[in-house]
Amino acid sequence: MVTPVIDYALTRGEIAAGQIVLFGYSLGGYLVARAAAFEHRVAALILDDGIHDFHAAFAGSLPPFIGSWIASGRDDVAVPVLTMLTAVSTQLWWGLRNGMWVFGAGSFADLIRRARDYTLDGIAHQITAPTLIMDPENDRFLKGQPQLVQQALTGAPTTLVTLTSAEGAGEHTHAGALGRAHQVMFDWLATTLPA
């Protein structure tokens, strides 16, 4: 919830009330979108990258039978298989281990269950602020999520920008080309925020 932060910011003389922007990086792209669904004093949103359903990022990268085991509480078989898969996939190892730390999850299965709550389903239409949705061409974690965000934000003007590998900005959160990503963001802000 960002309401207390905005309440405080508005007491500061150096803050322009009509120009408060929320910027979300990686999972923050989901978190600030969710916050903006309930806080309408936000002048603009930047989602780097746009995430509609964080659980889908995990579920889409795992064999369906693992998801079934987790949903039915069969951690006794799901966790050993996930552990085995992390031995052959650095990406999966990092994603699950980092996710456990971020979510305070007790196991890989617990993490995947907790991630189900991280969706814009049912609230995306409440977002009204102009929204820049960043999309890296080769995102291995959240492929297709920015497009889902754009479709779901029916109450807000949206701009979807796909940055490419040719620009050096095709990876998750545009790692390796933040200068290019920042150029897009600041150019968009310059044309979106009131003068």
Protein backbone atom coordinates (compact mmCIF):
# COMPACT_ATOMS: atom_id res chain seq x y z
CA MET A 1 0.00 0.00 0.00
CA VAL A 2 1.44 3.35 -1.05
CA THR A 3 -1.27 5.63 0.35
CA PRO A 4 0.71 6.56 3.52
CA VAL A 5 3.78 7.30 1.38
CA ILE A 6 1.78 9.58 -0.91
CA ASP A 7 0.08 11.20 2.09
CA TYR A 8 3.52 12.07 3.46
CA ALA A 9 4.94 13.12 0.07
CA LEU A 10 2.10 15.60 -0.34
CA THR A 11 3.16 17.36 2.89
CA ARG A 12 6.52 18.14 1.32
CA GLY A 13 6.83 21.45 -0.52
CA GLU A 14 9.22 20.05 -3.11
CA ILE A 15 6.72 17.40 -4.30
CA ALA A 16 4.43 18.33 -7.21
CA ALA A 17 1.08 16.76 -6.29
CA GLY A 18 0.05 16.12 -9.89
CA GLN A 19 3.33 14.48 -10.89
CA ILE A 20 3.76 11.52 -8.56
CA VAL A 21 4.96 8.51 -10.53
CA LEU A 22 5.22 4.93 -9.33
CA PHE A 23 8.05 2.89 -10.84
CA GLY A 24 8.20 -0.87 -10.40
CA TYR A 25 11.25 -2.93 -11.30
CA SER A 26 10.89 -6.70 -11.85
CA LEU A 27 8.32 -7.96 -9.28
CA GLY A 28 7.85 -4.29 -8.45
CA GLY A 29 6.08 -4.01 -11.82
CA TYR A 30 3.27 -6.05 -10.31
CA LEU A 31 3.43 -4.39 -6.88
CA VAL A 32 3.09 -0.79 -8.09
CA ALA A 33 0.30 -1.75 -10.50
CA ARG A 34 -1.60 -3.32 -7.61
CA ALA A 35 -1.00 -0.25 -5.47
CA ALA A 36 -2.29 2.04 -8.24
CA ALA A 37 -5.52 0.04 -8.42
CA PHE A 38 -6.34 1.41 -4.96
CA GLU A 39 -4.53 4.77 -4.95
CA HIS A 40 -5.70 7.21 -7.62
CA ARG A 41 -3.48 10.19 -6.80
CA VAL A 42 -0.76 8.62 -8.93
CA ALA A 43 -0.11 10.63 -12.10
CA ALA A 44 1.62 7.82 -13.99
CA LEU A 45 2.96 4.28 -13.67
CA ILE A 46 6.06 2.67 -15.12
CA LEU A 47 6.07 -1.13 -15.03
CA ASP A 48 9.51 -2.57 -15.80
CA ASP A 49 8.38 -5.20 -16.60
CA GLY A 50 4.62 -5.54 -16.67
CA ILE A 51 3.40 -8.54 -14.66
CA HIS A 52 -0.25 -9.59 -14.74
CA ASP A 53 0.02 -12.95 -12.97
CA PHE A 54 3.23 -13.76 -11.12
CA HIS A 55 2.16 -17.35 -10.47
CA ALA A 56 1.96 -17.91 -14.22
CA ALA A 57 5.68 -17.14 -14.44
CA PHE A 58 6.37 -20.20 -12.30
CA ALA A 59 3.59 -22.43 -13.57
CA GLY A 60 4.49 -21.77 -17.19
CA SER A 61 8.08 -22.91 -16.66
CA LEU A 62 7.23 -26.17 -14.90
CA PRO A 63 5.75 -29.44 -16.11
CA PRO A 64 1.97 -29.41 -15.43
CA PHE A 65 2.12 -32.48 -13.16
CA ILE A 66 4.26 -30.54 -10.67
CA GLY A 67 1.60 -27.84 -10.45
CA SER A 68 -1.02 -30.53 -9.83
CA TRP A 69 1.06 -32.04 -7.03
CA ILE A 70 1.52 -28.64 -5.39
CA ALA A 71 -2.17 -27.78 -5.69
CA SER A 72 -3.11 -31.07 -4.05
CA GLY A 73 -0.56 -30.63 -1.23
CA ARG A 74 1.82 -33.34 -2.45
CA ASP A 75 4.94 -31.47 -1.40
CA ASP A 76 6.52 -34.82 -0.54
CA VAL A 77 6.87 -35.55 -4.27
CA ALA A 78 6.88 -32.02 -5.73
CA VAL A 79 9.80 -30.63 -3.70
CA PRO A 80 12.25 -33.47 -4.50
CA VAL A 81 11.44 -33.19 -8.22
CA LEU A 82 11.83 -29.40 -8.14
CA THR A 83 15.12 -29.82 -6.30
CA MET A 84 16.31 -32.22 -9.00
CA LEU A 85 15.26 -29.76 -11.74
CA THR A 86 17.21 -26.94 -10.09
CA ALA A 87 20.34 -29.05 -10.43
CA VAL A 88 20.08 -28.84 -14.23
CA SER A 89 18.65 -25.33 -14.65
CA THR A 90 20.47 -22.35 -13.20
CA GLN A 91 17.52 -20.14 -14.16
CA LEU A 92 15.06 -22.33 -12.24
CA TRP A 93 17.48 -22.63 -9.30
CA TRP A 94 17.83 -18.85 -9.06
CA GLY A 95 14.12 -18.17 -9.58
CA LEU A 96 12.96 -20.60 -6.91
CA ARG A 97 15.69 -19.79 -4.36
CA ASN A 98 15.31 -16.05 -4.80
CA GLY A 99 11.52 -16.38 -4.70
CA MET A 100 11.71 -18.31 -1.41
CA TRP A 101 13.79 -15.52 0.09
CA VAL A 102 11.55 -12.71 -1.23
CA PHE A 103 8.29 -14.39 -0.16
CA GLY A 104 9.60 -15.90 3.06
CA ALA A 105 8.50 -19.31 1.77
CA GLY A 106 9.48 -22.51 3.54
CA SER A 107 9.87 -24.60 0.39
CA PHE A 108 9.68 -24.41 -3.39
CA ALA A 109 6.08 -25.67 -3.25
CA ASP A 110 5.16 -23.09 -0.62
CA LEU A 111 6.57 -20.35 -2.84
CA ILE A 112 4.50 -21.46 -5.83
CA ARG A 113 1.33 -21.57 -3.72
CA ARG A 114 2.02 -18.09 -2.29
CA ALA A 115 2.57 -16.66 -5.77
CA ARG A 116 -1.09 -17.43 -6.67
CA ASP A 117 -2.16 -14.30 -4.79
CA TYR A 118 -0.03 -12.06 -7.01
CA THR A 119 -2.41 -11.37 -9.87
CA LEU A 120 -4.12 -8.31 -11.28
CA ASP A 121 -7.26 -10.34 -12.01
CA GLY A 122 -10.28 -8.47 -10.71
CA ILE A 123 -8.45 -5.21 -9.97
CA ALA A 124 -6.60 -4.14 -13.15
CA HIS A 125 -9.65 -2.23 -14.41
CA GLN A 126 -9.35 0.05 -11.34
CA ILE A 127 -6.01 1.43 -12.52
CA THR A 128 -6.60 4.83 -14.13
CA ALA A 129 -3.15 6.39 -14.34
CA PRO A 130 -1.37 6.47 -17.70
CA THR A 131 0.87 3.42 -17.71
CA LEU A 132 4.13 2.63 -19.50
CA ILE A 133 4.55 -1.13 -19.75
CA MET A 134 8.07 -2.26 -20.54
CA ASP A 135 8.56 -5.56 -22.37
CA PRO A 136 11.94 -7.13 -23.04
CA GLU A 137 12.02 -9.16 -26.23
CA ASN A 138 13.72 -12.19 -24.65
CA ASP A 139 12.31 -12.21 -21.12
CA ARG A 140 12.76 -15.80 -19.94
CA PHE A 141 10.87 -15.22 -16.71
CA LEU A 142 7.75 -13.28 -17.68
CA LYS A 143 7.23 -13.77 -21.42
CA GLY A 144 3.82 -12.47 -22.50
CA GLN A 145 2.98 -10.87 -19.15
CA PRO A 146 3.37 -7.25 -20.37
CA GLN A 147 0.81 -7.87 -23.12
CA LEU A 148 -1.63 -9.32 -20.58
CA VAL A 149 -1.21 -6.21 -18.42
CA GLN A 150 -1.95 -3.97 -21.38
CA GLN A 151 -5.13 -5.93 -22.19
CA ALA A 152 -6.29 -5.84 -18.56
CA LEU A 153 -5.79 -2.09 -17.99
CA THR A 154 -9.13 -1.10 -19.50
CA GLY A 155 -9.44 2.07 -17.40
CA ALA A 156 -6.01 3.54 -18.17
CA PRO A 157 -4.19 4.78 -21.24
CA THR A 158 -1.31 2.39 -21.84
CA THR A 159 1.89 2.38 -23.84
CA LEU A 160 3.63 -0.95 -24.41
CA VAL A 161 7.27 -0.71 -25.44
CA THR A 162 9.25 -3.78 -26.43
CA LEU A 163 13.00 -3.29 -26.22
CA THR A 164 15.05 -5.63 -28.35
CA SER A 165 18.25 -7.60 -28.24
CA ALA A 166 19.51 -5.53 -31.16
CA GLU A 167 19.38 -2.55 -28.77
CA GLY A 168 21.08 -4.63 -26.06
CA ALA A 169 17.89 -4.34 -24.00
CA GLY A 170 16.09 -7.61 -24.71
CA GLU A 171 16.54 -9.29 -21.32
CA HIS A 172 14.47 -9.13 -18.13
CA THR A 173 14.34 -5.53 -16.84
CA HIS A 174 16.64 -4.61 -19.75
CA ALA A 175 19.76 -5.70 -17.89
CA GLY A 176 22.81 -4.49 -19.74
CA ALA A 177 21.00 -1.57 -21.39
CA LEU A 178 19.48 0.49 -18.61
CA GLY A 179 20.51 3.66 -20.43
CA ARG A 180 18.24 2.69 -23.33
CA ALA A 181 15.39 1.72 -20.97
CA HIS A 182 15.74 4.99 -19.06
CA GLN A 183 15.68 6.94 -22.31
CA VAL A 184 12.32 5.37 -23.16
CA MET A 185 10.95 5.97 -19.66
CA PHE A 186 11.98 9.62 -19.41
CA ASP A 187 10.83 10.39 -22.96
CA TRP A 188 7.45 8.86 -22.11
CA LEU A 189 7.21 10.84 -18.86
CA ALA A 190 8.04 14.05 -20.72
CA THR A 191 5.03 13.55 -22.99
CA THR A 192 2.69 12.08 -20.34
CA LEU A 193 2.96 14.25 -17.24
CA PRO A 194 1.30 17.64 -17.11
CA ALA A 195 3.70 20.56 -17.44
